[in-house]
Amino acid sequence: MRKKGHVIYKVKEDSIAYEMGLEPGDMLIAVNGVEIEDIFDYDYAIEEEYLELYVRKADGEEFILEIEKEENEDLGIIFENSLMDDYKSCSNKCIFCFIDQMPPGMRETLYFKDDDSRLSFLQGNYITMTNMKEKDVERIIRFHMSPINISVHTTNPELRKKMLHNRFAGKVLKYIDRFYDAGITMNGQIVLCPEVNDGRELEKTITDLAKYAPVMQSLSVVPVGVTKYRDGLYPMKTFNAQTAGEVIDIIESFQTKMFDELGIHFVHASDEFYLLAGREVPEEERYDDYCQLENGVGMTRLFREEFISTLNELPKDFAPEKRSVSVITGYLAYDNIKLLTDMLVNKYDNIKVNVYKIRNDFFGETITVSGLVTGQDIIKQLSGIQLGDALLIPINMLRSQERVFLDDVTVDDVQNALQVNVNIVKSSGLDLVYNILGISAGDISLEDRFRPYEADSV
């Protein structure tokens, strides 16, 4: 049987592979006699100082390259598929799955559900572990791959089977024990569903997972997202101010206990719970170095601290040119963004900022986060409004590495429809300050751009 190979997409100049004559189109079959399954096998295999690479040329010729190198030295090979394997799709039918709540007619790739354990290490994805085989667990332990991010949701095996609609969902919780025994660093996640895994179930889950700390270094609790496209799906409720406050109370009681015992707060409520409950987000110290930022834990606090710090660094007598801009956000973050922009306007009265909260008609009004605002809703709701010199949109409204919203409307479409320059604001308070004032954080430093007038007269 002809052995499977991995196509080389590019060879870095002046690398070992380049010097050995490897070229794009060549296929790597094995390293030191072992077939390479994916990028993890490859990375582990090439750590050795002596390598034998089994290579197949595009014309079918096969040969072995002998290489002597420094330990852990890279070969300079970039593969056609960065994972060196197909992505594993999700085998669950979770009652809270957001993709099942997507409207029809969108780009096909948006409906793909990944639950690939390898993406936990490569991209920080959270996985349910239901796709993992024994060999996957053994390899993680053998390579000591960390951290692994786990979508736990509940430690009640029967409830987990119900929530994930997978008969193996409870059984695989035992993998956590094996990772703990092997010292594999973990992060956990709970998607919280009202009257399903909240209340006493939440308390049980946190109690069970706290036993793994600090090997499990953090646990986030995020509210379920519910769109208007739920026909035929589990009758999911949403959180309100009262129930969000109850969740916070449970979590903060555990934080106090965990900090007294281990010096970490361990479990964290996402910002959405605090904003829904109308409560002030925690101080920086309670976020344990923002260890769950990608899950929306601490973003509001970090953004606020960055914005205020940047604003305070600007000289009081600096007078930027008269400027008017508009900032858009979702309903949830509106009050925080308005608070910050008002602070800037109070400092510089020749700057005008209008903040608009965009109602989510596309997914439904229950979706209030800015990251799910679509281009068509922006165009519809801002049409005919004088938006000033620029419209500022947060980068999280766009697909990764693209200038495209979730509904396939592009930034250029918005710009043309509203007849305004659209500026994309990175996920930092500093970048919002820079964009409001009309300067580029990448091109001009604060010291060069913001100087007291006395400096010019010396």
Protein backbone atom coordinates (compact mmCIF):
# COMPACT_ATOMS: atom_id res chain seq x y z
CA MET A 1 0.00 0.00 0.00
CA ARG A 2 1.34 3.41 -0.97
CA LYS A 3 2.05 5.43 2.19
CA LYS A 4 0.23 8.68 2.84
CA GLY A 5 2.32 11.83 2.67
CA HIS A 6 2.12 15.50 3.52
CA VAL A 7 2.60 18.03 0.72
CA ILE A 8 5.29 20.66 1.27
CA TYR A 9 3.86 24.06 0.44
CA LYS A 10 6.96 26.17 1.00
CA VAL A 11 10.60 25.80 1.97
CA LYS A 12 12.19 28.66 3.88
CA GLU A 13 15.32 30.08 2.27
CA ASP A 14 18.64 29.30 3.98
CA SER A 15 16.95 26.58 6.05
CA ILE A 16 18.08 22.98 6.45
CA ALA A 17 15.35 21.78 4.10
CA TYR A 18 16.40 24.37 1.50
CA GLU A 19 20.02 23.25 1.69
CA MET A 20 18.95 19.62 1.34
CA GLY A 21 17.12 20.42 -1.89
CA LEU A 22 13.53 19.96 -0.74
CA GLU A 23 11.01 21.83 -2.90
CA PRO A 24 7.33 22.83 -2.86
CA GLY A 25 5.31 19.85 -4.08
CA ASP A 26 7.52 17.26 -2.42
CA MET A 27 5.82 14.98 0.09
CA LEU A 28 7.10 14.04 3.51
CA ILE A 29 6.15 10.44 4.29
CA ALA A 30 7.97 9.55 7.51
CA VAL A 31 10.64 10.69 9.97
CA ASN A 32 13.05 8.11 11.43
CA GLY A 33 10.88 5.32 10.08
CA VAL A 34 7.67 6.57 11.69
CA GLU A 35 4.80 7.80 9.53
CA ILE A 36 3.73 11.35 10.35
CA GLU A 37 0.04 11.71 11.19
CA ASP A 38 -0.16 15.45 11.82
CA ILE A 39 1.73 18.55 12.92
CA PHE A 40 2.22 17.27 16.46
CA ASP A 41 3.87 14.05 15.29
CA TYR A 42 6.07 16.13 13.01
CA ASP A 43 7.09 18.69 15.65
CA TYR A 44 7.89 15.93 18.13
CA ALA A 45 9.84 13.86 15.58
CA ILE A 46 12.13 16.65 14.38
CA GLU A 47 13.35 17.47 17.89
CA GLU A 48 16.03 14.80 17.41
CA GLU A 49 19.57 15.71 16.32
CA TYR A 50 19.76 12.94 13.71
CA LEU A 51 16.87 12.53 11.29
CA GLU A 52 16.04 10.32 8.34
CA LEU A 53 13.37 11.93 6.19
CA TYR A 54 11.44 9.65 3.84
CA VAL A 55 10.48 11.89 0.92
CA ARG A 56 8.51 11.40 -2.30
CA LYS A 57 9.07 13.77 -5.23
CA ALA A 58 6.25 14.98 -7.44
CA ASP A 59 7.32 12.51 -10.18
CA GLY A 60 6.99 9.58 -7.76
CA GLU A 61 10.67 9.12 -6.94
CA GLU A 62 11.20 8.20 -3.29
CA PHE A 63 14.38 8.58 -1.25
CA ILE A 64 15.70 9.10 2.29
CA LEU A 65 17.48 12.26 3.41
CA GLU A 66 19.90 11.98 6.34
CA ILE A 67 20.11 15.16 8.42
CA GLU A 68 22.27 16.10 11.39
CA LYS A 69 21.23 19.26 13.21
CA GLU A 70 20.96 20.96 16.56
CA GLU A 71 18.34 19.62 18.98
CA ASN A 72 14.94 21.30 18.41
CA GLU A 73 16.27 23.16 15.34
CA ASP A 74 13.52 23.74 12.78
CA LEU A 75 13.86 22.28 9.28
CA GLY A 76 12.18 25.22 7.53
CA ILE A 77 9.28 23.27 6.02
CA ILE A 78 5.80 24.78 5.68
CA PHE A 79 3.09 22.28 4.79
CA GLU A 80 0.13 22.77 2.49
CA ASN A 81 -2.21 22.00 5.40
CA SER A 82 -1.05 23.64 8.64
CA LEU A 83 -2.61 20.83 10.70
CA MET A 84 -1.22 18.20 8.29
CA ASP A 85 -4.56 16.41 8.57
CA ASP A 86 -8.29 16.94 8.11
CA TYR A 87 -10.16 18.84 10.81
CA LYS A 88 -12.39 16.69 13.00
CA SER A 89 -15.99 17.82 13.07
CA CYS A 90 -18.09 17.81 16.21
CA SER A 91 -19.99 14.60 16.98
CA ASN A 92 -22.32 16.25 19.51
CA LYS A 93 -25.75 17.80 19.19
CA CYS A 94 -25.46 20.26 22.08
CA ILE A 95 -28.68 21.84 23.29
CA PHE A 96 -26.91 25.21 23.37
CA CYS A 97 -24.98 24.98 20.08
CA PHE A 98 -24.83 28.40 18.42
CA ILE A 99 -24.23 27.01 14.94
CA ASP A 100 -27.55 25.16 15.08
CA GLN A 101 -29.15 28.57 15.63
CA MET A 102 -27.64 30.18 12.54
CA PRO A 103 -29.97 31.40 9.79
CA PRO A 104 -30.00 29.50 6.48
CA GLY A 105 -28.23 30.70 3.36
CA MET A 106 -24.91 31.74 4.91
CA ARG A 107 -21.43 30.73 3.77
CA GLU A 108 -21.00 26.94 4.08
CA THR A 109 -17.85 27.19 6.23
CA LEU A 110 -19.84 28.96 8.95
CA TYR A 111 -21.86 25.80 9.57
CA PHE A 112 -18.80 23.60 10.20
CA LYS A 113 -18.59 22.48 13.83
CA ASP A 114 -15.05 21.68 14.90
CA ASP A 115 -14.24 19.73 18.03
CA ASP A 116 -10.65 18.83 17.21
CA SER A 117 -8.43 18.39 20.26
CA ARG A 118 -5.41 19.57 18.28
CA LEU A 119 -6.97 22.99 17.78
CA SER A 120 -7.02 23.38 21.55
CA PHE A 121 -3.23 23.60 21.43
CA LEU A 122 -2.87 25.40 18.11
CA GLN A 123 -5.64 27.99 18.40
CA GLY A 124 -6.84 27.85 22.00
CA ASN A 125 -10.19 26.26 21.07
CA TYR A 126 -12.28 24.63 23.77
CA ILE A 127 -13.13 20.97 23.16
CA THR A 128 -15.67 18.56 24.64
CA MET A 129 -13.24 15.58 24.39
CA THR A 130 -16.00 13.42 22.85
CA ASN A 131 -13.97 13.10 19.63
CA MET A 132 -10.84 11.97 21.44
CA LYS A 133 -9.59 8.40 21.16
CA GLU A 134 -7.32 6.58 23.56
CA LYS A 135 -4.34 7.27 21.31
CA ASP A 136 -5.12 11.02 21.43
CA VAL A 137 -5.09 11.03 25.23
CA GLU A 138 -1.90 8.96 25.35
CA ARG A 139 -0.15 11.27 22.89
CA ILE A 140 -1.07 14.41 24.84
CA ILE A 141 0.36 12.82 27.97
CA ARG A 142 3.43 11.43 26.18
CA PHE A 143 4.26 14.78 24.51
CA HIS A 144 3.16 16.64 27.67
CA MET A 145 1.13 19.06 25.56
CA SER A 146 -0.27 22.00 27.54
CA PRO A 147 -2.58 23.70 28.11
CA ILE A 148 -5.65 21.82 26.96
CA ASN A 149 -8.90 23.80 26.99
CA ILE A 150 -11.94 21.75 27.94
CA SER A 151 -15.63 22.54 27.50
CA VAL A 152 -16.87 20.83 30.65
CA HIS A 153 -20.34 22.40 31.12
CA THR A 154 -21.18 20.01 33.94
CA THR A 155 -19.48 17.24 35.93
CA ASN A 156 -22.77 15.38 36.26
CA PRO A 157 -22.28 12.54 33.73
CA GLU A 158 -25.97 12.03 33.01
CA LEU A 159 -26.64 15.74 32.62
CA ARG A 160 -23.60 16.10 30.37
CA LYS A 161 -24.92 13.33 28.11
CA LYS A 162 -28.22 15.22 27.88
CA MET A 163 -26.61 18.62 27.23
CA LEU A 164 -24.26 17.31 24.53
CA HIS A 165 -26.74 14.71 23.25
CA ASN A 166 -23.90 12.21 23.19
CA ARG A 167 -23.92 8.93 25.11
CA PHE A 168 -20.15 9.10 25.61
CA ALA A 169 -20.15 12.67 26.98
CA GLY A 170 -20.20 11.60 30.63
CA LYS A 171 -17.61 8.87 30.26
CA VAL A 172 -14.92 11.10 28.78
CA LEU A 173 -14.89 13.28 31.89
CA LYS A 174 -12.45 10.68 33.22
CA TYR A 175 -9.86 12.07 30.81
CA ILE A 176 -9.59 15.07 33.13
CA ASP A 177 -8.34 12.75 35.88
CA ARG A 178 -5.66 11.39 33.59
CA PHE A 179 -4.53 14.84 32.50
CA TYR A 180 -4.41 15.92 36.14
CA ASP A 181 -2.33 12.89 37.16
CA ALA A 182 0.08 13.62 34.30
CA GLY A 183 0.39 17.31 35.21
CA ILE A 184 -1.17 18.52 31.96
CA THR A 185 -2.23 22.14 32.46
CA MET A 186 -5.94 22.64 31.80
CA ASN A 187 -8.48 25.45 31.45
CA GLY A 188 -12.18 24.79 31.79
CA GLN A 189 -15.33 26.34 30.38
CA ILE A 190 -18.99 26.15 31.32
CA VAL A 191 -21.69 27.35 28.94
CA LEU A 192 -24.43 28.05 31.47
CA CYS A 193 -28.04 27.34 30.55
CA PRO A 194 -30.87 28.56 32.81
CA GLU A 195 -32.64 25.77 34.67
CA VAL A 196 -30.28 23.18 33.16
CA ASN A 197 -26.77 23.35 34.62
CA ASP A 198 -27.05 26.44 36.82
CA GLY A 199 -27.88 26.71 40.53
CA ARG A 200 -26.89 23.62 42.50
CA GLU A 201 -25.53 21.92 39.38
CA LEU A 202 -23.19 24.88 38.87
CA GLU A 203 -22.06 24.68 42.48
CA LYS A 204 -21.36 20.96 42.09
CA THR A 205 -19.42 21.46 38.87
CA ILE A 206 -17.23 24.20 40.34
CA THR A 207 -16.65 22.14 43.49
CA ASP A 208 -15.63 19.09 41.44
CA LEU A 209 -13.31 21.01 39.12
CA ALA A 210 -11.73 23.02 41.95
CA LYS A 211 -10.14 19.77 43.14
CA TYR A 212 -7.96 19.84 40.02
CA ALA A 213 -6.59 23.34 40.72
CA PRO A 214 -3.99 24.64 40.14
CA VAL A 215 -3.28 22.03 37.41
CA MET A 216 -6.61 23.18 36.05
CA GLN A 217 -5.59 26.80 36.25
CA SER A 218 -8.88 28.52 35.43
CA LEU A 219 -12.57 27.99 34.79
CA SER A 220 -14.86 30.38 32.95
CA VAL A 221 -18.65 30.53 33.12
CA VAL A 222 -20.37 32.10 30.11
CA PRO A 223 -24.10 32.50 29.41
CA VAL A 224 -25.75 30.57 26.61
CA GLY A 225 -26.40 32.59 23.46
CA VAL A 226 -29.95 32.31 22.12
CA THR A 227 -30.89 33.50 18.64
CA LYS A 228 -34.34 33.70 17.04
CA TYR A 229 -33.59 30.61 14.92
CA ARG A 230 -34.47 27.86 17.41
CA ASP A 231 -37.39 26.07 15.76
CA GLY A 232 -37.26 22.40 16.71
CA LEU A 233 -34.45 22.94 19.23
CA TYR A 234 -34.39 22.64 23.00
CA PRO A 235 -36.61 25.36 24.59
CA MET A 236 -33.75 27.43 25.96
CA LYS A 237 -34.30 30.38 28.30
CA THR A 238 -32.00 33.38 28.71
CA PHE A 239 -30.55 35.06 31.78
CA ASN A 240 -31.95 38.31 33.18
CA ALA A 241 -30.64 40.76 35.76
CA GLN A 242 -31.79 38.67 38.71
CA THR A 243 -30.57 35.26 37.48
CA ALA A 244 -27.27 36.75 36.26
CA GLY A 245 -26.76 38.19 39.75
CA GLU A 246 -27.39 34.77 41.29
CA VAL A 247 -24.68 33.27 39.08
CA ILE A 248 -22.22 35.99 40.11
CA ASP A 249 -22.95 35.36 43.79
CA ILE A 250 -22.14 31.66 43.42
CA ILE A 251 -18.93 32.34 41.55
CA GLU A 252 -17.68 35.09 43.84
CA SER A 253 -18.21 32.88 46.90
CA PHE A 254 -15.93 30.27 45.30
CA GLN A 255 -13.39 32.93 44.32
CA THR A 256 -12.95 34.00 47.94
CA LYS A 257 -12.43 30.41 49.07
CA MET A 258 -10.03 29.52 46.25
CA PHE A 259 -7.94 32.63 46.72
CA ASP A 260 -7.57 31.95 50.43
CA GLU A 261 -6.48 28.38 49.71
CA LEU A 262 -4.37 28.66 46.54
CA GLY A 263 -3.81 32.35 45.80
CA ILE A 264 -5.84 32.19 42.58
CA HIS A 265 -9.52 33.00 42.04
CA PHE A 266 -9.85 30.02 39.66
CA VAL A 267 -13.46 30.47 38.53
CA HIS A 268 -14.60 33.56 36.64
CA ALA A 269 -17.93 34.87 35.37
CA SER A 270 -17.87 36.36 31.89
CA ASP A 271 -18.40 40.10 31.58
CA GLU A 272 -21.87 39.48 30.17
CA PHE A 273 -23.16 38.32 33.55
CA TYR A 274 -21.99 41.54 35.25
CA LEU A 275 -23.41 43.74 32.52
CA LEU A 276 -26.74 41.89 32.55
CA ALA A 277 -26.93 42.17 36.34
CA GLY A 278 -26.05 45.88 36.25
CA ARG A 279 -23.04 45.28 38.49
CA GLU A 280 -19.57 46.77 38.30
CA VAL A 281 -17.05 44.40 36.72
CA PRO A 282 -14.35 43.13 39.11
CA GLU A 283 -11.08 44.94 39.67
CA GLU A 284 -8.03 43.83 37.69
CA GLU A 285 -6.55 41.75 40.52
CA ARG A 286 -9.49 39.35 40.45
CA TYR A 287 -8.88 38.26 36.87
CA ASP A 288 -5.67 36.31 37.59
CA ASP A 289 -3.70 38.02 34.80
CA TYR A 290 -6.74 37.86 32.48
CA CYS A 291 -6.32 34.11 32.03
CA GLN A 292 -9.76 33.69 30.39
CA LEU A 293 -9.80 36.81 28.21
CA GLU A 294 -10.72 34.92 25.03
CA ASN A 295 -13.92 33.76 26.74
CA GLY A 296 -15.03 37.31 27.40
CA VAL A 297 -13.76 37.30 30.98
CA GLY A 298 -12.21 40.64 31.91
CA MET A 299 -12.42 42.30 28.49
CA THR A 300 -14.49 45.18 29.84
CA ARG A 301 -12.07 45.86 32.70
CA LEU A 302 -8.95 45.55 30.55
CA PHE A 303 -10.40 47.75 27.81
CA ARG A 304 -11.42 50.37 30.36
CA GLU A 305 -8.00 50.37 32.06
CA GLU A 306 -6.21 50.70 28.73
CA PHE A 307 -8.47 53.53 27.56
CA ILE A 308 -8.17 55.52 30.79
CA SER A 309 -4.40 54.96 31.05
CA THR A 310 -3.88 56.13 27.47
CA LEU A 311 -6.14 59.15 27.93
CA ASN A 312 -4.35 60.15 31.12
CA GLU A 313 -0.99 60.07 29.36
CA LEU A 314 -2.07 62.69 26.86
CA PRO A 315 -1.08 66.28 27.77
CA LYS A 316 -3.97 68.40 29.00
CA ASP A 317 -2.95 71.30 26.80
CA PHE A 318 -2.86 69.21 23.66
CA ALA A 319 -5.40 70.53 21.17
CA PRO A 320 -6.11 68.09 18.31
CA GLU A 321 -7.91 69.36 15.24
CA LYS A 322 -11.67 69.58 15.42
CA ARG A 323 -13.02 66.14 14.71
CA SER A 324 -16.31 64.26 14.78
CA VAL A 325 -16.56 60.46 14.77
CA SER A 326 -19.16 57.77 15.36
CA VAL A 327 -18.55 54.58 17.32
CA ILE A 328 -20.76 51.49 17.06
CA THR A 329 -21.15 48.63 19.51
CA GLY A 330 -23.70 46.07 20.67
CA TYR A 331 -26.31 46.77 23.31
CA LEU A 332 -24.32 45.04 26.05
CA ALA A 333 -21.17 47.17 25.85
CA TYR A 334 -22.90 50.47 25.08
CA ASP A 335 -22.87 51.96 28.58
CA ASN A 336 -19.17 51.19 29.04
CA ILE A 337 -18.17 52.64 25.66
CA LYS A 338 -20.32 55.74 26.25
CA LEU A 339 -18.73 56.26 29.68
CA LEU A 340 -15.22 56.13 28.19
CA THR A 341 -15.90 58.33 25.17
CA ASP A 342 -17.56 60.93 27.40
CA MET A 343 -14.35 61.06 29.42
CA LEU A 344 -12.38 61.82 26.26
CA VAL A 345 -14.84 64.47 25.10
CA ASN A 346 -14.72 66.14 28.52
CA LYS A 347 -10.96 66.41 28.18
CA TYR A 348 -11.00 67.65 24.57
CA ASP A 349 -14.13 69.68 23.86
CA ASN A 350 -13.30 70.05 20.17
CA ILE A 351 -13.77 66.31 19.70
CA LYS A 352 -17.31 65.03 19.14
CA VAL A 353 -18.15 61.35 19.56
CA ASN A 354 -21.51 59.75 18.90
CA VAL A 355 -21.92 56.18 20.17
CA TYR A 356 -24.57 54.01 18.52
CA LYS A 357 -25.77 50.67 19.83
CA ILE A 358 -26.78 48.35 17.03
CA ARG A 359 -29.84 46.19 17.61
CA ASN A 360 -29.25 42.63 16.40
CA ASP A 361 -32.10 42.05 13.98
CA PHE A 362 -30.10 39.42 12.10
CA PHE A 363 -29.78 36.91 14.97
CA GLY A 364 -32.48 38.37 17.19
CA GLU A 365 -32.61 40.99 19.93
CA THR A 366 -31.55 38.49 22.60
CA ILE A 367 -28.06 38.63 21.06
CA THR A 368 -26.49 41.79 22.50
CA VAL A 369 -22.72 41.26 22.16
CA SER A 370 -20.80 43.40 19.67
CA GLY A 371 -19.02 40.42 18.11
CA LEU A 372 -22.25 39.21 16.49
CA VAL A 373 -23.36 42.53 15.00
CA THR A 374 -23.77 42.20 11.24
CA GLY A 375 -23.07 44.54 8.36
CA GLN A 376 -26.66 44.67 7.15
CA ASP A 377 -27.90 45.75 10.60
CA ILE A 378 -25.29 48.50 10.70
CA ILE A 379 -26.29 49.80 7.27
CA LYS A 380 -30.02 49.63 8.00
CA GLN A 381 -29.86 51.34 11.38
CA LEU A 382 -27.33 54.06 10.50
CA SER A 383 -28.64 54.93 7.06
CA GLY A 384 -29.28 58.67 6.67
CA ILE A 385 -27.36 59.63 9.83
CA GLN A 386 -24.47 62.09 9.62
CA LEU A 387 -21.63 60.01 11.00
CA GLY A 388 -18.84 62.58 10.90
CA ASP A 389 -15.26 62.07 9.78
CA ALA A 390 -15.17 58.33 10.46
CA LEU A 391 -17.21 55.37 11.63
CA LEU A 392 -15.30 53.23 14.12
CA ILE A 393 -16.11 49.53 14.32
CA PRO A 394 -14.51 46.98 16.68
CA ILE A 395 -12.44 44.28 15.01
CA ASN A 396 -14.40 41.51 16.74
CA MET A 397 -17.36 42.24 14.44
CA LEU A 398 -15.29 40.86 11.56
CA ARG A 399 -14.21 37.34 10.74
CA SER A 400 -10.66 36.52 11.67
CA GLN A 401 -8.14 37.96 9.19
CA GLU A 402 -10.97 39.27 6.97
CA ARG A 403 -12.81 42.55 6.34
CA VAL A 404 -16.13 40.69 6.28
CA PHE A 405 -19.01 40.56 8.77
CA LEU A 406 -20.78 37.30 9.64
CA ASP A 407 -23.51 38.00 7.08
CA ASP A 408 -20.92 38.32 4.25
CA VAL A 409 -21.33 42.11 4.07
CA THR A 410 -17.88 43.67 3.71
CA VAL A 411 -16.37 46.74 5.32
CA ASP A 412 -16.33 48.34 1.86
CA ASP A 413 -20.06 47.64 1.53
CA VAL A 414 -20.72 49.51 4.78
CA GLN A 415 -18.42 52.32 3.76
CA ASN A 416 -20.11 52.75 0.38
CA ALA A 417 -23.66 52.46 1.73
CA LEU A 418 -23.16 54.99 4.53
CA GLN A 419 -20.74 57.24 2.62
CA VAL A 420 -18.25 57.41 5.50
CA ASN A 421 -14.71 56.24 6.12
CA VAL A 422 -14.79 53.08 8.23
CA ASN A 423 -11.92 52.53 10.65
CA ILE A 424 -11.38 49.15 12.31
CA VAL A 425 -10.49 49.42 15.99
CA LYS A 426 -8.38 46.69 17.50
CA SER A 427 -9.46 45.11 20.77
CA SER A 428 -7.71 47.62 22.99
CA GLY A 429 -8.65 50.83 24.76
CA LEU A 430 -5.50 52.47 23.43
CA ASP A 431 -6.54 51.85 19.83
CA LEU A 432 -9.97 53.38 20.41
CA VAL A 433 -8.37 56.56 21.79
CA TYR A 434 -6.03 56.73 18.80
CA ASN A 435 -8.85 56.22 16.30
CA ILE A 436 -11.11 58.82 17.90
CA LEU A 437 -8.28 61.36 17.75
CA GLY A 438 -7.36 60.36 14.20
CA ILE A 439 -3.83 59.11 14.67
CA SER A 440 -2.17 55.79 13.88
CA ALA A 441 -0.82 53.84 16.81
CA GLY A 442 1.51 52.03 14.44
CA ASP A 443 3.00 55.09 12.80
CA ILE A 444 3.25 57.73 15.53
CA SER A 445 4.19 57.35 19.16
CA LEU A 446 2.44 59.19 21.96
CA GLU A 447 5.65 61.09 22.72
CA ASP A 448 5.96 62.34 19.15
CA ARG A 449 2.30 63.19 18.57
CA PHE A 450 1.18 64.49 21.95
CA ARG A 451 3.60 67.12 23.24
CA PRO A 452 2.95 70.19 25.35
CA TYR A 453 3.25 73.35 23.26
CA GLU A 454 6.18 74.48 25.42
CA ALA A 455 8.29 71.73 23.83
CA ASP A 456 7.96 73.42 20.44
CA SER A 457 9.28 76.71 21.74
CA VAL A 458 12.51 75.36 23.27
